[in-house]
Amino acid sequence: MARVLLFGPLRDLAGWRERDLVATTLSELRALLGAQDAALGEALARPGVQVALDQAIVRGDAALSPTAEVAFLPPMSGG
């Protein structure tokens, strides 16, 4: 099972910070999260949301190991 972490407004929207879910790819995980909570699915698809897979930022789809840690990070701003 992949360990899924949500941060900031994503956590607030979902009402949870951490869950264990079964998925083999990031795209499958996103689809699963969107099916469980449409508002969260829309939020995860917004520009600027980043995904860290095992503490490394990834772009696009990626395979998930059974022990993967997937963190969804809200858009960040700074100066």
Protein backbone atom coordinates (compact mmCIF):
# COMPACT_ATOMS: atom_id res chain seq x y z
CA MET A 1 0.00 0.00 0.00
CA ALA A 2 1.20 3.47 -0.84
CA ARG A 3 1.32 5.95 2.01
CA VAL A 4 -0.41 9.14 0.80
CA LEU A 5 0.24 12.49 2.49
CA LEU A 6 -1.62 15.76 1.90
CA PHE A 7 -0.33 19.15 2.98
CA GLY A 8 -1.76 22.64 3.49
CA PRO A 9 -5.05 23.46 1.78
CA LEU A 10 -5.18 19.99 0.21
CA ARG A 11 -5.24 18.45 3.69
CA ASP A 12 -7.90 20.91 4.82
CA LEU A 13 -10.08 20.18 1.78
CA ALA A 14 -9.85 16.40 2.18
CA GLY A 15 -10.21 16.43 5.96
CA TRP A 16 -7.30 14.03 6.42
CA ARG A 17 -3.50 14.19 6.34
CA GLU A 18 -2.40 10.60 5.79
CA ARG A 19 -3.90 7.44 4.30
CA ASP A 20 -2.71 4.10 2.98
CA LEU A 21 -4.13 3.30 -0.47
CA VAL A 22 -3.53 0.60 -3.05
CA ALA A 23 -2.40 1.88 -6.46
CA THR A 24 0.33 0.88 -8.89
CA THR A 25 0.88 4.26 -10.60
CA LEU A 26 0.49 7.94 -9.75
CA SER A 27 -2.25 8.32 -12.37
CA GLU A 28 -4.16 5.41 -10.81
CA LEU A 29 -3.74 6.99 -7.37
CA ARG A 30 -5.01 10.37 -8.59
CA ALA A 31 -8.03 8.67 -10.20
CA LEU A 32 -8.75 6.78 -6.99
CA LEU A 33 -8.56 9.95 -4.89
CA GLY A 34 -10.79 11.80 -7.38
CA ALA A 35 -13.36 8.99 -7.32
CA GLN A 36 -13.45 9.12 -3.52
CA ASP A 37 -13.65 12.93 -3.36
CA ALA A 38 -14.39 14.95 -6.52
CA ALA A 39 -13.30 18.26 -4.96
CA LEU A 40 -9.96 16.77 -3.93
CA GLY A 41 -9.51 15.27 -7.40
CA GLU A 42 -10.05 18.70 -8.96
CA ALA A 43 -7.65 20.32 -6.50
CA LEU A 44 -4.92 17.75 -7.23
CA ALA A 45 -5.25 18.46 -10.97
CA ARG A 46 -4.70 22.21 -10.58
CA PRO A 47 -1.52 23.80 -11.89
CA GLY A 48 1.21 24.17 -9.32
CA VAL A 49 0.33 21.09 -7.26
CA GLN A 50 3.51 19.06 -6.95
CA VAL A 51 3.99 15.39 -6.16
CA ALA A 52 6.88 13.99 -4.16
CA LEU A 53 7.44 10.26 -4.57
CA ASP A 54 9.67 8.88 -1.84
CA GLN A 55 10.74 12.46 -1.06
CA ALA A 56 11.72 13.37 -4.64
CA ILE A 57 9.60 15.67 -6.82
CA VAL A 58 8.27 13.86 -9.89
CA ARG A 59 6.50 15.11 -12.99
CA GLY A 60 4.02 13.05 -14.93
CA ASP A 61 3.18 9.46 -14.18
CA ALA A 62 5.37 7.04 -12.23
CA ALA A 63 5.16 3.49 -10.93
CA LEU A 64 4.49 3.05 -7.23
CA SER A 65 6.12 0.38 -5.13
CA PRO A 66 4.03 -1.22 -2.37
CA THR A 67 5.98 0.84 0.17
CA ALA A 68 5.90 4.14 -1.73
CA GLU A 69 5.32 7.43 0.04
CA VAL A 70 3.41 9.93 -2.10
CA ALA A 71 3.05 13.51 -0.90
CA PHE A 72 0.81 16.02 -2.65
CA LEU A 73 2.12 19.55 -2.11
CA PRO A 74 0.01 22.68 -2.73
CA PRO A 75 1.28 25.46 -4.97
CA MET A 76 3.95 27.48 -3.22
CA SER A 77 4.73 31.15 -3.54
CA GLY A 78 7.65 33.11 -2.35
CA GLY A 79 9.85 35.98 -3.05
